[in-house]
N, C-alpha and C. Protein backbone atom coordinates (compact mmCIF):
# COMPACT_ATOMS: atom_id res chain seq x y z
N GLN A 1 0.78 -0.97 -0.13
CA GLN A 1 0.09 -0.09 0.13
C GLN A 1 1.18 0.98 0.14
N VAL A 2 0.75 2.24 -0.87
CA VAL A 2 1.33 3.49 -1.20
C VAL A 2 0.83 4.12 0.07
N GLN A 3 2.03 4.89 0.24
CA GLN A 3 1.76 5.99 1.56
C GLN A 3 2.79 7.05 1.57
N LEU A 4 2.38 8.07 1.70
CA LEU A 4 3.30 9.36 1.90
C LEU A 4 2.83 10.20 2.97
N VAL A 5 4.33 10.38 3.50
CA VAL A 5 3.97 11.17 5.06
C VAL A 5 4.77 12.27 4.91
N GLU A 6 3.84 13.80 5.03
CA GLU A 6 5.07 14.76 5.09
C GLU A 6 5.35 15.24 6.69
N SER A 7 6.20 15.87 6.80
CA SER A 7 6.52 16.25 7.94
C SER A 7 7.68 17.60 7.81
N GLY A 8 7.90 18.19 8.93
CA GLY A 8 8.75 19.38 8.92
C GLY A 8 7.89 20.91 9.00
N GLY A 9 6.86 20.86 8.68
CA GLY A 9 6.36 21.79 8.85
C GLY A 9 6.07 22.86 10.33
N GLY A 10 5.28 23.92 10.39
CA GLY A 10 5.77 24.59 11.76
C GLY A 10 5.43 26.15 11.46
N SER A 11 5.71 26.92 12.63
CA SER A 11 5.33 28.14 12.68
C SER A 11 7.07 28.89 12.56
N VAL A 12 7.12 29.78 11.62
CA VAL A 12 8.31 30.62 11.54
C VAL A 12 8.02 32.10 10.93
N GLN A 13 9.19 33.20 11.30
CA GLN A 13 8.67 34.26 11.07
C GLN A 13 9.35 34.57 9.78
N PRO A 14 8.57 35.93 8.96
CA PRO A 14 9.19 36.20 7.66
C PRO A 14 10.55 36.10 7.72
N GLY A 15 11.13 35.62 6.50
CA GLY A 15 12.35 35.60 6.26
C GLY A 15 13.16 34.49 6.75
N GLY A 16 12.54 33.79 7.62
CA GLY A 16 13.03 32.50 8.07
C GLY A 16 12.98 31.20 6.76
N SER A 17 13.36 30.12 7.32
CA SER A 17 13.26 28.76 6.59
C SER A 17 12.89 27.80 7.35
N LEU A 18 12.46 26.59 6.50
CA LEU A 18 11.70 25.30 6.85
C LEU A 18 12.08 24.15 6.02
N ARG A 19 12.30 23.01 6.33
CA ARG A 19 12.44 22.12 5.14
C ARG A 19 11.40 21.03 5.35
N LEU A 20 10.68 20.86 4.66
CA LEU A 20 9.84 19.84 4.66
C LEU A 20 10.14 18.59 3.68
N SER A 21 9.56 17.36 4.69
CA SER A 21 10.39 16.15 4.19
C SER A 21 8.97 15.38 3.72
N CYS A 22 9.21 14.35 2.95
CA CYS A 22 7.89 13.89 2.20
C CYS A 22 8.61 12.37 1.93
N ALA A 23 8.16 11.33 2.96
CA ALA A 23 8.74 9.82 3.04
C ALA A 23 7.42 9.22 2.47
N ALA A 24 8.29 8.36 1.55
CA ALA A 24 7.11 7.50 0.35
C ALA A 24 7.67 5.81 0.71
N SER A 25 6.63 5.01 0.86
CA SER A 25 6.54 3.96 0.92
C SER A 25 5.51 3.04 -0.09
N GLY A 26 5.84 1.71 -0.17
CA GLY A 26 4.85 1.07 -0.76
C GLY A 26 4.55 0.83 -2.39
N PHE A 27 5.67 1.58 -2.84
CA PHE A 27 5.92 1.65 -4.47
C PHE A 27 6.49 0.38 -5.04
N ASN A 28 5.89 -0.07 -6.07
CA ASN A 28 6.58 -1.29 -6.78
C ASN A 28 8.27 -0.95 -7.13
N LYS A 29 7.87 0.16 -8.10
CA LYS A 29 9.21 0.54 -8.78
C LYS A 29 9.50 1.90 -7.95
N ASP A 30 10.77 2.07 -7.98
CA ASP A 30 11.37 3.28 -7.36
C ASP A 30 11.66 4.33 -8.43
N TYR A 31 10.18 4.43 -9.16
CA TYR A 31 10.41 5.56 -10.55
C TYR A 31 8.98 6.26 -10.40
N TYR A 32 9.22 7.45 -9.94
CA TYR A 32 7.80 8.10 -9.71
C TYR A 32 7.98 9.59 -9.42
N ALA A 33 7.46 10.46 -9.93
CA ALA A 33 7.43 11.64 -9.85
C ALA A 33 6.84 12.12 -8.28
N ILE A 34 7.61 13.34 -7.67
CA ILE A 34 6.85 13.79 -6.44
C ILE A 34 6.39 15.32 -6.41
N GLY A 35 5.37 15.66 -6.41
CA GLY A 35 5.21 16.99 -6.18
C GLY A 35 4.51 17.72 -4.99
N TRP A 36 5.14 18.96 -4.82
CA TRP A 36 4.59 19.56 -3.54
C TRP A 36 3.59 20.48 -3.89
N PHE A 37 2.46 20.52 -3.26
CA PHE A 37 1.44 21.44 -3.43
C PHE A 37 1.03 22.16 -2.28
N ARG A 38 0.17 23.40 -2.35
CA ARG A 38 -0.35 23.84 -0.97
C ARG A 38 -1.65 24.30 -1.40
N GLN A 39 -2.16 24.51 0.03
CA GLN A 39 -3.57 25.15 -0.37
C GLN A 39 -3.86 26.14 1.12
N ALA A 40 -3.59 27.17 0.98
CA ALA A 40 -3.95 28.27 2.17
C ALA A 40 -5.77 28.59 2.33
N PRO A 41 -6.00 28.96 3.25
CA PRO A 41 -7.30 28.92 3.72
C PRO A 41 -8.24 29.82 2.82
N GLY A 42 -9.24 29.08 2.00
CA GLY A 42 -10.09 29.93 1.35
C GLY A 42 -9.47 29.98 0.04
N LYS A 43 -8.43 29.20 -0.56
CA LYS A 43 -7.73 29.42 -1.70
C LYS A 43 -8.31 28.08 -2.19
N GLU A 44 -7.53 27.60 -3.74
CA GLU A 44 -7.54 26.47 -4.03
C GLU A 44 -6.14 25.99 -4.06
N ARG A 45 -6.11 24.78 -4.08
CA ARG A 45 -4.65 24.09 -4.01
C ARG A 45 -3.80 24.56 -5.32
N GLU A 46 -2.51 24.75 -4.91
CA GLU A 46 -1.84 25.15 -5.97
C GLU A 46 -0.33 24.00 -6.07
N GLY A 47 0.21 24.29 -7.12
CA GLY A 47 1.18 23.39 -7.28
C GLY A 47 2.61 24.19 -6.66
N VAL A 48 3.61 23.86 -6.16
CA VAL A 48 4.37 24.51 -5.89
C VAL A 48 5.89 24.01 -6.36
N SER A 49 6.01 22.60 -6.30
CA SER A 49 7.26 22.20 -7.06
C SER A 49 7.49 20.66 -7.47
N CYS A 50 8.04 20.24 -8.44
CA CYS A 50 8.15 19.02 -8.98
C CYS A 50 9.38 18.44 -9.06
N ILE A 51 9.86 17.00 -8.92
CA ILE A 51 10.78 16.42 -9.45
C ILE A 51 10.43 15.55 -10.03
N SER A 52 10.99 15.30 -11.23
CA SER A 52 10.79 14.13 -12.20
C SER A 52 10.95 12.70 -11.86
N ARG A 53 10.53 11.53 -12.37
CA ARG A 53 10.76 10.66 -12.34
C ARG A 53 12.38 9.97 -11.90
N SER A 54 12.99 10.54 -12.89
CA SER A 54 14.31 10.31 -12.88
C SER A 54 15.46 11.30 -12.63
N ASP A 55 14.76 12.16 -11.67
CA ASP A 55 15.28 13.31 -10.89
C ASP A 55 16.21 14.35 -11.84
N ASP A 56 16.03 14.34 -12.88
CA ASP A 56 16.61 15.10 -13.93
C ASP A 56 15.88 16.44 -14.34
N ASN A 57 15.02 16.56 -13.83
CA ASN A 57 13.99 17.91 -13.83
C ASN A 57 13.49 18.14 -12.72
N THR A 58 13.74 19.75 -12.70
CA THR A 58 12.67 20.10 -11.48
C THR A 58 11.99 21.25 -11.86
N ILE A 59 11.01 21.57 -11.22
CA ILE A 59 9.82 22.48 -11.61
C ILE A 59 9.44 23.56 -10.29
N TYR A 60 9.32 24.57 -10.75
CA TYR A 60 8.95 25.42 -9.55
C TYR A 60 8.02 26.38 -10.21
N ALA A 61 7.06 26.65 -8.88
CA ALA A 61 5.94 28.05 -9.53
C ALA A 61 6.77 29.12 -9.23
N GLU A 62 6.19 29.93 -10.17
CA GLU A 62 7.03 31.26 -10.11
C GLU A 62 7.15 32.05 -8.91
N SER A 63 6.09 31.78 -7.83
CA SER A 63 6.02 32.47 -6.87
C SER A 63 7.34 32.07 -5.74
N VAL A 64 7.68 30.88 -6.20
CA VAL A 64 8.69 30.15 -5.18
C VAL A 64 10.28 30.03 -5.66
N LYS A 65 10.32 30.41 -7.05
CA LYS A 65 11.56 30.10 -7.58
C LYS A 65 12.43 30.94 -6.99
N GLY A 66 13.73 30.56 -6.83
CA GLY A 66 14.74 31.30 -6.16
C GLY A 66 14.89 31.12 -4.81
N ARG A 67 13.77 30.68 -4.13
CA ARG A 67 13.38 30.69 -2.75
C ARG A 67 13.54 29.04 -2.12
N PHE A 68 12.75 28.04 -3.01
CA PHE A 68 12.41 26.81 -2.62
C PHE A 68 13.41 25.89 -3.52
N THR A 69 13.69 24.87 -2.92
CA THR A 69 14.59 23.80 -3.15
C THR A 69 14.08 22.48 -3.41
N ILE A 70 13.62 21.73 -4.54
CA ILE A 70 13.19 20.43 -4.15
C ILE A 70 14.58 19.24 -4.32
N ALA A 71 14.54 18.30 -3.58
CA ALA A 71 15.47 17.19 -3.78
C ALA A 71 14.94 15.80 -3.36
N ARG A 72 15.72 14.92 -3.89
CA ARG A 72 15.53 13.60 -3.64
C ARG A 72 16.36 12.79 -2.63
N ASP A 73 16.07 12.02 -1.96
CA ASP A 73 17.18 11.21 -1.27
C ASP A 73 16.37 9.59 -1.50
N LYS A 74 17.31 9.19 -2.76
CA LYS A 74 16.40 7.82 -3.01
C LYS A 74 16.78 6.71 -2.27
N ALA A 75 17.94 6.82 -1.40
CA ALA A 75 18.48 5.45 -0.60
C ALA A 75 17.29 5.91 0.69
N LYS A 76 16.65 7.11 0.91
CA LYS A 76 15.87 7.24 2.07
C LYS A 76 14.30 7.04 1.37
N SER A 77 14.22 7.05 0.13
CA SER A 77 12.69 7.13 -0.31
C SER A 77 11.89 8.44 0.08
N THR A 78 12.89 9.79 0.15
CA THR A 78 12.19 10.92 0.73
C THR A 78 12.73 11.90 -0.32
N VAL A 79 11.64 12.81 -0.43
CA VAL A 79 12.08 14.15 -1.02
C VAL A 79 11.67 15.00 -0.07
N TYR A 80 12.68 16.24 -0.29
CA TYR A 80 12.88 17.13 0.72
C TYR A 80 12.34 18.63 -0.20
N LEU A 81 11.99 19.63 0.58
CA LEU A 81 11.34 21.01 0.12
C LEU A 81 12.09 21.95 0.94
N GLN A 82 13.08 22.38 0.56
CA GLN A 82 13.80 23.19 1.31
C GLN A 82 13.41 24.86 1.16
N MET A 83 12.73 25.50 1.82
CA MET A 83 11.77 26.69 1.79
C MET A 83 12.80 27.82 2.41
N ASN A 84 13.41 28.85 1.87
CA ASN A 84 14.10 29.90 2.47
C ASN A 84 13.18 31.24 2.31
N SER A 85 13.80 32.08 2.80
CA SER A 85 13.17 33.61 2.61
C SER A 85 11.70 33.53 2.85
N LEU A 86 10.95 32.81 3.97
CA LEU A 86 9.72 32.53 3.81
C LEU A 86 9.00 34.19 3.83
N ARG A 87 7.61 33.86 3.59
CA ARG A 87 6.76 35.22 3.42
C ARG A 87 5.05 34.75 3.87
N ALA A 88 4.54 35.81 4.25
CA ALA A 88 3.24 35.58 4.88
C ALA A 88 2.38 34.82 3.89
N GLY A 89 2.43 34.99 2.41
CA GLY A 89 1.83 34.44 1.37
C GLY A 89 2.28 32.78 1.08
N ASP A 90 3.23 32.51 1.95
CA ASP A 90 3.70 30.96 1.74
C ASP A 90 2.54 30.11 3.06
N THR A 91 2.28 31.06 3.76
CA THR A 91 1.41 30.29 4.80
C THR A 91 0.03 29.23 4.21
N ALA A 92 0.26 28.09 4.53
CA ALA A 92 -0.56 27.10 3.55
C ALA A 92 -0.41 25.55 4.41
N ILE A 93 -1.30 24.81 3.86
CA ILE A 93 -1.32 23.41 4.15
C ILE A 93 0.12 22.97 3.21
N TYR A 94 0.77 22.21 3.52
CA TYR A 94 1.67 21.78 2.12
C TYR A 94 1.33 20.43 1.94
N TYR A 95 1.26 19.88 0.73
CA TYR A 95 0.73 18.24 0.59
C TYR A 95 1.97 17.97 -0.35
N CYS A 96 2.38 16.55 -0.23
CA CYS A 96 3.17 16.31 -1.44
C CYS A 96 2.44 14.74 -1.79
N ALA A 97 2.64 14.85 -3.30
CA ALA A 97 1.93 13.88 -4.03
C ALA A 97 2.97 12.97 -5.21
N ALA A 98 2.38 11.99 -5.46
CA ALA A 98 3.49 11.02 -6.32
C ALA A 98 2.22 10.68 -7.56
N GLU A 99 3.18 10.89 -8.77
CA GLU A 99 2.55 10.55 -10.02
C GLU A 99 3.60 9.57 -10.66
N VAL A 100 2.70 8.17 -10.81
CA VAL A 100 3.48 6.91 -11.30
C VAL A 100 3.31 7.05 -12.90
N TYR A 101 2.54 7.65 -13.51
CA TYR A 101 2.37 7.57 -14.96
C TYR A 101 1.73 9.09 -15.46
N GLY A 102 1.97 9.82 -16.35
CA GLY A 102 1.61 10.87 -16.96
C GLY A 102 2.62 12.09 -16.88
N SER A 103 2.16 13.23 -16.74
CA SER A 103 2.69 14.21 -16.84
C SER A 103 2.52 15.69 -16.10
N SER A 104 1.42 15.33 -15.17
CA SER A 104 0.78 16.08 -14.47
C SER A 104 1.88 16.95 -13.84
N CYS A 105 2.85 16.38 -13.04
CA CYS A 105 3.43 16.91 -11.69
C CYS A 105 4.24 17.82 -12.67
N VAL A 106 4.93 17.94 -13.64
CA VAL A 106 5.84 18.57 -14.50
C VAL A 106 4.93 20.07 -14.93
N PHE A 107 3.60 20.09 -14.79
CA PHE A 107 3.08 21.12 -15.31
C PHE A 107 2.32 21.68 -13.84
N LEU A 108 2.81 20.72 -12.47
CA LEU A 108 2.00 21.21 -11.24
C LEU A 108 0.56 21.04 -11.35
N GLY A 109 0.27 20.29 -11.82
CA GLY A 109 -1.02 20.07 -11.91
C GLY A 109 -1.70 18.96 -11.01
N ALA A 110 -2.48 19.40 -9.95
CA ALA A 110 -3.04 18.55 -8.89
C ALA A 110 -3.80 17.38 -9.24
N SER A 111 -4.41 17.65 -10.18
CA SER A 111 -5.89 16.34 -10.65
C SER A 111 -5.15 15.38 -11.17
N GLY A 112 -3.96 15.37 -11.75
CA GLY A 112 -3.48 14.22 -12.28
C GLY A 112 -2.59 13.47 -11.39
N MET A 113 -2.26 13.86 -10.26
CA MET A 113 -1.60 13.02 -9.07
C MET A 113 -2.10 11.85 -8.73
N ASP A 114 -1.23 10.51 -8.53
CA ASP A 114 -2.07 9.82 -8.44
C ASP A 114 -2.33 9.17 -6.59
N TYR A 115 -1.29 9.70 -5.79
CA TYR A 115 -1.52 9.28 -4.25
C TYR A 115 -1.14 10.55 -3.67
N TRP A 116 -1.70 11.11 -2.42
CA TRP A 116 -1.43 12.18 -1.75
C TRP A 116 -1.30 11.64 -0.04
N GLY A 117 -0.41 12.44 0.28
CA GLY A 117 -0.32 12.77 1.98
C GLY A 117 -1.38 13.44 2.38
N LYS A 118 -1.23 13.44 3.80
CA LYS A 118 -2.09 14.13 4.67
C LYS A 118 -1.85 15.63 4.83
N GLY A 119 -0.72 16.16 4.34
CA GLY A 119 -0.33 17.56 4.54
C GLY A 119 0.27 17.91 5.84
N THR A 120 1.02 19.07 5.91
CA THR A 120 1.81 19.53 7.01
C THR A 120 1.82 21.10 6.82
N PRO A 121 1.23 21.72 8.19
CA PRO A 121 0.97 23.25 7.88
C PRO A 121 2.47 23.84 8.26
N VAL A 122 2.26 24.83 7.51
CA VAL A 122 3.17 25.97 7.37
C VAL A 122 2.60 27.52 7.62
N ALA A 123 3.00 27.91 8.84
CA ALA A 123 2.58 29.19 9.27
C ALA A 123 3.68 30.39 8.98
N VAL A 124 3.54 31.31 8.35
CA VAL A 124 4.55 32.59 8.28
C VAL A 124 3.80 33.77 8.89
N SER A 125 4.60 34.34 10.03
CA SER A 125 3.78 35.42 10.63
C SER A 125 5.00 35.89 11.56
N SER A 126 4.94 37.07 11.88
CA SER A 126 5.36 38.07 12.88
C SER A 126 4.87 38.22 14.16
């Protein structure tokens, strides 16, 4: 059974940093894309970043380019999202999602993702 578990969320002041983790288990093959998505109160879920199946492509939303970095540790079956220079507008529940087939992840499309974690909250305020 596929399982994605997020961790690392919390409260931070503007300009601070957090590192989110997405631990994956239950996949038959170690070949899937992982995307990070977020949903703020009263807003639709939006794509933040994606790392492709072969780790040769990373994608970022314009709003986080230059501040967030996605990376995968295959040995630990974990994908990280390093978030620096956090802003109040980054406040949201952050979800990781996996895509085994298709190309939704590289377009930061939530609807095509196959598996989802339960999310971890990030709050940025002074």
